[in-house]
Amino acid sequence: MAEDLIGSYLVDCEVRGMAPGSLPRYKSVLRLFQEYMAGREIATATRAELVGFIRYLREDRRTSQKTIENYFSVLSSFYEYLVFEGIISSNTALPIRKRYLRRYKDNNDSHERQLISIEAAGQMIKGAPNIRDKAMLVLLFKTGMRRGELVSLDISDVDFVENTIRLKPTAKRSNRTLFMDGEAAYVLRRWLRVREGVNRRKERALFLSSWGYRISRNDVYRAVTEAASRVGLHDPESKRLEDHFSPHACRHWFCTHLFRAGMRREYIKELRGDSRKEAFDLYNHIDLKELKEAYLACIPQLGI
């Protein structure tokens, strides 16, 4: 029964347009919870069993707080699906997240995502140990793309004539064309020269792991957090959100510094790729040439 529910939930995730790279992670979380339940039905897990799962993750598996929060995000999504299908009457995970998981409970202005300076971003990139990580960091800072969007990039998505990147279509993304400036193009070209020598598997992926396969979301996370740690911008032991620097913080940096440089809000929204919900957004088509000119005028230079 549990296997059938997990399988149907993953199919539902696909139909809703979830990124394919997220599905194995969701499946892994649900399998872990299924193992913890030891034969008991996961669909009707009690509050006590969910609290026990938190204790099991912390004490037995030594799982970090952030990972536990991510696990319960998956469980909450799973139970929301069961509610939608009429299998259960309420989402059991929601009150557990609210009471026991800090980030869900304290999602307010007292925990602000870290914003670093232009100089600190340059230091992160300069301190990265290899050209691949430097190129990944540059693209995250200079384009504001999401981690999953970076992972899915292929060589064919990069146009060095126009200095543009064409993202894969996703449910979260409206505008798929992003721009690079001269700094980003220079570092990316350097990586591509190195990539030619390590691409023994003839992969299409723009960024490769040390094994020669497409990078994973974890590869990107490690590259960002390790670069931030080297310059004192990331403390994995801290419980404060502002002491952490994740790939999403690069996106926050991108938008904030464009705004500080004077870029119009609608241009920033277009570059972010936010879904168009209002009538104004649907019918206000922004000229790509004007958008590129505004981008090049406002994107910070990192001195790399």
Protein backbone atom coordinates (compact mmCIF):
# COMPACT_ATOMS: atom_id res chain seq x y z
CA MET A 1 0.00 0.00 0.00
CA ALA A 2 2.75 2.47 0.97
CA GLU A 3 4.70 1.76 -2.23
CA ASP A 4 1.58 2.43 -4.30
CA LEU A 5 0.96 5.74 -2.51
CA ILE A 6 4.55 6.87 -2.93
CA GLY A 7 4.50 5.94 -6.61
CA SER A 8 1.22 7.75 -7.29
CA TYR A 9 2.47 10.79 -5.37
CA LEU A 10 5.63 10.97 -7.50
CA VAL A 11 3.52 10.73 -10.66
CA ASP A 12 1.43 13.62 -9.34
CA CYS A 13 4.64 15.61 -8.77
CA GLU A 14 5.60 15.06 -12.41
CA VAL A 15 2.17 16.18 -13.63
CA ARG A 16 2.49 19.36 -11.54
CA GLY A 17 5.76 20.16 -13.34
CA MET A 18 8.20 19.48 -10.52
CA ALA A 19 11.85 19.43 -11.61
CA PRO A 20 12.84 15.84 -12.52
CA GLY A 21 15.98 16.13 -10.41
CA SER A 22 13.87 16.58 -7.26
CA LEU A 23 11.88 13.36 -7.62
CA PRO A 24 14.64 10.91 -6.52
CA ARG A 25 15.20 13.04 -3.41
CA TYR A 26 11.48 13.00 -2.57
CA LYS A 27 11.36 9.25 -3.08
CA SER A 28 14.39 8.76 -0.84
CA VAL A 29 12.82 10.78 2.00
CA LEU A 30 9.55 8.84 1.83
CA ARG A 31 11.40 5.51 1.76
CA LEU A 32 13.37 6.54 4.86
CA PHE A 33 10.14 7.43 6.66
CA GLN A 34 8.63 4.13 5.52
CA GLU A 35 11.60 2.25 7.01
CA TYR A 36 11.24 4.17 10.27
CA MET A 37 7.56 3.25 10.48
CA ALA A 38 8.59 -0.46 10.34
CA GLY A 39 5.48 -1.80 8.67
CA ARG A 40 3.02 0.70 10.11
CA GLU A 41 0.96 2.59 7.52
CA ILE A 42 2.63 5.90 6.62
CA ALA A 43 -0.60 7.44 5.34
CA THR A 44 -2.12 7.36 8.81
CA ALA A 45 1.01 8.22 10.80
CA THR A 46 0.11 9.87 14.10
CA ARG A 47 1.56 13.07 15.51
CA ALA A 48 3.48 11.00 18.04
CA GLU A 49 5.05 8.95 15.24
CA LEU A 50 6.06 12.09 13.33
CA VAL A 51 7.60 13.62 16.45
CA GLY A 52 9.38 10.31 17.01
CA PHE A 53 10.74 10.54 13.46
CA ILE A 54 12.27 13.93 14.29
CA ARG A 55 13.88 12.44 17.40
CA TYR A 56 15.14 9.45 15.38
CA LEU A 57 16.71 11.74 12.76
CA ARG A 58 18.40 13.95 15.37
CA GLU A 59 19.59 11.35 17.85
CA ASP A 60 20.13 8.18 15.84
CA ARG A 61 21.08 9.47 12.42
CA ARG A 62 22.69 12.76 13.59
CA THR A 63 20.79 14.61 10.87
CA SER A 64 21.21 18.38 10.68
CA GLN A 65 18.33 20.71 11.48
CA LYS A 66 18.19 21.99 7.93
CA THR A 67 17.96 18.47 6.50
CA ILE A 68 15.17 17.56 8.94
CA GLU A 69 13.30 20.67 7.82
CA ASN A 70 13.73 19.61 4.20
CA TYR A 71 12.50 16.09 5.02
CA PHE A 72 9.35 17.46 6.62
CA SER A 73 8.76 19.73 3.65
CA VAL A 74 8.57 16.54 1.56
CA LEU A 75 6.32 14.79 4.09
CA SER A 76 4.01 17.81 4.21
CA SER A 77 3.75 17.79 0.40
CA PHE A 78 3.01 14.04 0.48
CA TYR A 79 0.25 14.41 3.06
CA GLU A 80 -1.23 17.35 1.16
CA TYR A 81 -1.50 15.02 -1.85
CA LEU A 82 -3.27 12.41 0.30
CA VAL A 83 -5.73 15.07 1.46
CA PHE A 84 -6.37 16.07 -2.16
CA GLU A 85 -7.04 12.43 -3.09
CA GLY A 86 -9.46 12.02 -0.17
CA ILE A 87 -7.31 9.36 1.49
CA ILE A 88 -6.91 11.34 4.73
CA SER A 89 -8.84 14.29 6.10
CA SER A 90 -6.00 16.59 7.19
CA ASN A 91 -2.28 17.17 6.67
CA THR A 92 -0.70 15.61 9.77
CA ALA A 93 2.74 17.09 9.11
CA LEU A 94 1.69 20.76 9.22
CA PRO A 95 1.22 21.13 13.01
CA ILE A 96 4.45 19.19 13.60
CA ARG A 97 6.44 21.55 11.35
CA LYS A 98 4.87 24.58 13.02
CA ARG A 99 5.64 23.42 16.54
CA TYR A 100 9.01 21.70 16.23
CA LEU A 101 10.84 23.00 13.17
CA ARG A 102 12.21 26.50 13.65
CA ARG A 103 12.45 27.67 10.04
CA TYR A 104 8.80 26.82 9.36
CA LYS A 105 7.65 28.39 12.63
CA ASP A 106 9.80 31.52 12.52
CA ASN A 107 9.38 32.46 8.89
CA ASN A 108 9.41 36.19 9.57
CA ASP A 109 11.60 39.25 9.35
CA SER A 110 13.65 38.28 12.41
CA HIS A 111 15.49 35.71 10.26
CA GLU A 112 16.78 37.49 7.20
CA ARG A 113 18.72 35.75 4.45
CA GLN A 114 22.33 36.90 4.37
CA LEU A 115 23.21 39.63 1.87
CA ILE A 116 26.93 40.02 1.21
CA SER A 117 28.81 42.86 -0.43
CA ILE A 118 30.04 42.94 -4.03
CA GLU A 119 33.60 42.64 -2.73
CA ALA A 120 32.73 39.57 -0.63
CA ALA A 121 31.16 37.87 -3.65
CA GLY A 122 34.37 38.49 -5.59
CA GLN A 123 36.40 37.00 -2.72
CA MET A 124 34.24 33.87 -2.75
CA ILE A 125 34.87 33.35 -6.45
CA LYS A 126 38.60 34.05 -6.24
CA GLY A 127 38.91 31.59 -3.35
CA ALA A 128 37.13 28.73 -5.11
CA PRO A 129 39.57 25.81 -5.56
CA ASN A 130 38.97 25.14 -9.26
CA ILE A 131 37.69 26.79 -12.40
CA ARG A 132 34.49 24.73 -12.48
CA ASP A 133 33.40 26.01 -9.07
CA LYS A 134 34.41 29.55 -10.03
CA ALA A 135 32.25 29.34 -13.17
CA MET A 136 29.27 27.97 -11.25
CA LEU A 137 29.54 30.73 -8.66
CA VAL A 138 29.85 33.42 -11.32
CA LEU A 139 26.71 32.24 -13.10
CA LEU A 140 24.72 32.06 -9.86
CA PHE A 141 25.77 35.59 -8.88
CA LYS A 142 25.56 37.13 -12.35
CA THR A 143 22.30 35.56 -13.57
CA GLY A 144 20.27 34.83 -10.43
CA MET A 145 19.33 31.40 -11.77
CA ARG A 146 18.11 28.73 -9.38
CA ARG A 147 20.25 25.78 -8.35
CA GLY A 148 18.17 23.29 -10.36
CA GLU A 149 18.37 25.52 -13.42
CA LEU A 150 22.17 25.54 -13.19
CA VAL A 151 22.27 21.74 -12.86
CA SER A 152 20.12 21.23 -15.98
CA LEU A 153 22.20 23.47 -18.28
CA ASP A 154 23.71 21.91 -21.41
CA ILE A 155 26.54 23.21 -23.57
CA SER A 156 24.00 24.05 -26.28
CA ASP A 157 22.16 26.41 -23.90
CA VAL A 158 25.04 28.91 -23.93
CA ASP A 159 25.39 31.47 -26.73
CA PHE A 160 28.74 33.27 -26.62
CA VAL A 161 27.83 35.43 -29.61
CA GLU A 162 24.94 37.11 -27.80
CA ASN A 163 26.29 36.27 -24.31
CA THR A 164 22.98 34.66 -23.34
CA ILE A 165 21.91 31.49 -21.57
CA ARG A 166 18.67 29.69 -22.44
CA LEU A 167 17.18 27.86 -19.46
CA LYS A 168 15.11 24.69 -19.62
CA PRO A 169 11.35 25.25 -19.22
CA THR A 170 10.02 24.68 -15.69
CA ALA A 171 6.79 25.38 -13.85
CA LYS A 172 8.50 28.12 -11.79
CA ARG A 173 10.12 29.97 -14.68
CA SER A 174 8.54 32.47 -17.10
CA ASN A 175 11.44 34.27 -18.82
CA ARG A 176 14.03 31.68 -19.89
CA THR A 177 16.63 33.99 -21.46
CA LEU A 178 19.38 35.20 -19.14
CA PHE A 179 22.34 37.42 -19.91
CA MET A 180 26.05 37.24 -19.14
CA ASP A 181 28.47 40.13 -18.96
CA GLY A 182 32.12 40.00 -20.00
CA GLU A 183 33.31 38.71 -16.62
CA ALA A 184 30.92 35.77 -16.63
CA ALA A 185 31.66 34.88 -20.25
CA TYR A 186 35.42 34.98 -19.59
CA VAL A 187 35.27 32.60 -16.61
CA LEU A 188 32.84 30.27 -18.39
CA ARG A 189 35.10 30.05 -21.45
CA ARG A 190 38.00 29.10 -19.16
CA TRP A 191 35.92 26.28 -17.67
CA LEU A 192 34.91 25.02 -21.11
CA ARG A 193 38.57 24.66 -22.10
CA VAL A 194 39.16 22.51 -19.01
CA ARG A 195 35.89 20.64 -19.57
CA GLU A 196 37.05 19.43 -22.99
CA GLY A 197 39.81 17.45 -21.33
CA VAL A 198 37.62 15.81 -18.68
CA ASN A 199 34.48 15.06 -20.69
CA ARG A 200 35.43 11.46 -21.42
CA ARG A 201 31.78 10.32 -21.32
CA LYS A 202 30.71 12.83 -24.00
CA GLU A 203 28.16 14.42 -21.69
CA ARG A 204 26.01 17.31 -22.93
CA ALA A 205 25.90 18.89 -19.46
CA LEU A 206 27.57 22.27 -19.08
CA PHE A 207 28.94 21.38 -15.65
CA LEU A 208 30.42 17.96 -14.86
CA SER A 209 31.13 16.21 -11.58
CA SER A 210 34.52 14.75 -10.74
CA TRP A 211 33.20 11.45 -12.12
CA GLY A 212 32.39 12.99 -15.48
CA TYR A 213 28.61 13.04 -15.07
CA ARG A 214 26.21 15.98 -14.83
CA ILE A 215 26.59 17.77 -11.50
CA SER A 216 23.97 17.25 -8.80
CA ARG A 217 22.15 19.76 -6.61
CA ASN A 218 24.45 18.68 -3.77
CA ASP A 219 27.53 19.47 -5.90
CA VAL A 220 26.28 23.03 -6.32
CA TYR A 221 25.41 23.38 -2.64
CA ARG A 222 28.87 22.19 -1.59
CA ALA A 223 30.62 24.51 -4.04
CA VAL A 224 28.73 27.55 -2.72
CA THR A 225 28.87 26.79 0.99
CA GLU A 226 32.55 25.77 0.93
CA ALA A 227 33.49 28.95 -0.96
CA ALA A 228 31.49 31.00 1.55
CA SER A 229 33.07 29.17 4.50
CA ARG A 230 36.59 29.96 3.24
CA VAL A 231 35.91 33.68 3.56
CA GLY A 232 33.92 33.45 6.79
CA LEU A 233 30.45 33.89 5.31
CA HIS A 234 28.93 30.49 6.12
CA ASP A 235 28.64 28.84 9.53
CA PRO A 236 27.01 25.39 9.16
CA GLU A 237 26.74 25.02 12.95
CA SER A 238 24.70 28.18 13.46
CA LYS A 239 20.91 27.99 13.78
CA ARG A 240 20.50 31.53 12.46
CA LEU A 241 19.53 31.80 8.80
CA GLU A 242 21.62 34.94 8.40
CA ASP A 243 24.77 32.98 9.28
CA HIS A 244 24.31 30.63 6.33
CA PHE A 245 25.15 31.28 2.69
CA SER A 246 23.39 28.94 0.25
CA PRO A 247 22.90 28.92 -3.54
CA HIS A 248 19.64 30.82 -3.02
CA ALA A 249 21.58 33.59 -1.29
CA CYS A 250 23.31 34.20 -4.65
CA ARG A 251 19.88 34.82 -6.20
CA HIS A 252 19.04 37.20 -3.36
CA TRP A 253 22.37 38.98 -3.96
CA PHE A 254 21.66 39.27 -7.70
CA CYS A 255 18.25 40.89 -7.28
CA THR A 256 19.21 43.20 -4.42
CA HIS A 257 22.32 44.61 -6.08
CA LEU A 258 20.50 45.15 -9.39
CA PHE A 259 17.85 47.10 -7.49
CA ARG A 260 20.50 49.14 -5.67
CA ALA A 261 22.12 49.93 -9.00
CA GLY A 262 18.86 51.49 -10.19
CA MET A 263 17.28 48.74 -12.31
CA ARG A 264 13.52 49.01 -12.73
CA ARG A 265 11.45 46.54 -10.70
CA GLU A 266 9.72 45.04 -13.74
CA TYR A 267 13.11 44.32 -15.31
CA ILE A 268 14.29 42.55 -12.15
CA LYS A 269 11.08 40.50 -12.06
CA GLU A 270 11.65 39.50 -15.67
CA LEU A 271 15.23 38.41 -15.00
CA ARG A 272 14.12 36.49 -11.91
CA GLY A 273 11.68 34.59 -14.12
CA ASP A 274 8.81 34.94 -11.67
CA SER A 275 5.54 33.45 -12.90
CA ARG A 276 3.26 36.05 -14.44
CA LYS A 277 0.11 36.25 -12.34
CA GLU A 278 -1.29 39.72 -12.86
CA ALA A 279 -2.81 41.05 -16.07
CA PHE A 280 -0.12 43.71 -16.25
CA ASP A 281 2.56 41.02 -16.18
CA LEU A 282 0.83 38.95 -18.87
CA TYR A 283 0.48 41.79 -21.38
CA ASN A 284 3.54 43.89 -20.58
CA HIS A 285 6.11 42.36 -22.94
CA ILE A 286 9.61 43.65 -22.17
CA ASP A 287 11.94 44.18 -25.11
CA LEU A 288 14.95 41.86 -24.74
CA LYS A 289 17.34 44.44 -26.16
CA GLU A 290 16.29 47.02 -23.57
CA LEU A 291 16.46 44.37 -20.84
CA LYS A 292 19.99 43.38 -21.84
CA GLU A 293 21.16 47.00 -21.91
CA ALA A 294 19.70 47.58 -18.43
CA TYR A 295 21.34 44.38 -17.18
CA LEU A 296 24.79 45.30 -18.48
CA ALA A 297 24.46 48.78 -17.00
CA CYS A 298 23.50 47.50 -13.53
CA ILE A 299 25.16 44.11 -12.97
CA PRO A 300 27.99 44.48 -10.44
CA GLN A 301 31.58 43.88 -11.51
CA LEU A 302 33.37 41.42 -9.24
CA GLY A 303 36.97 42.18 -10.17
CA ILE A 304 37.70 38.67 -11.40
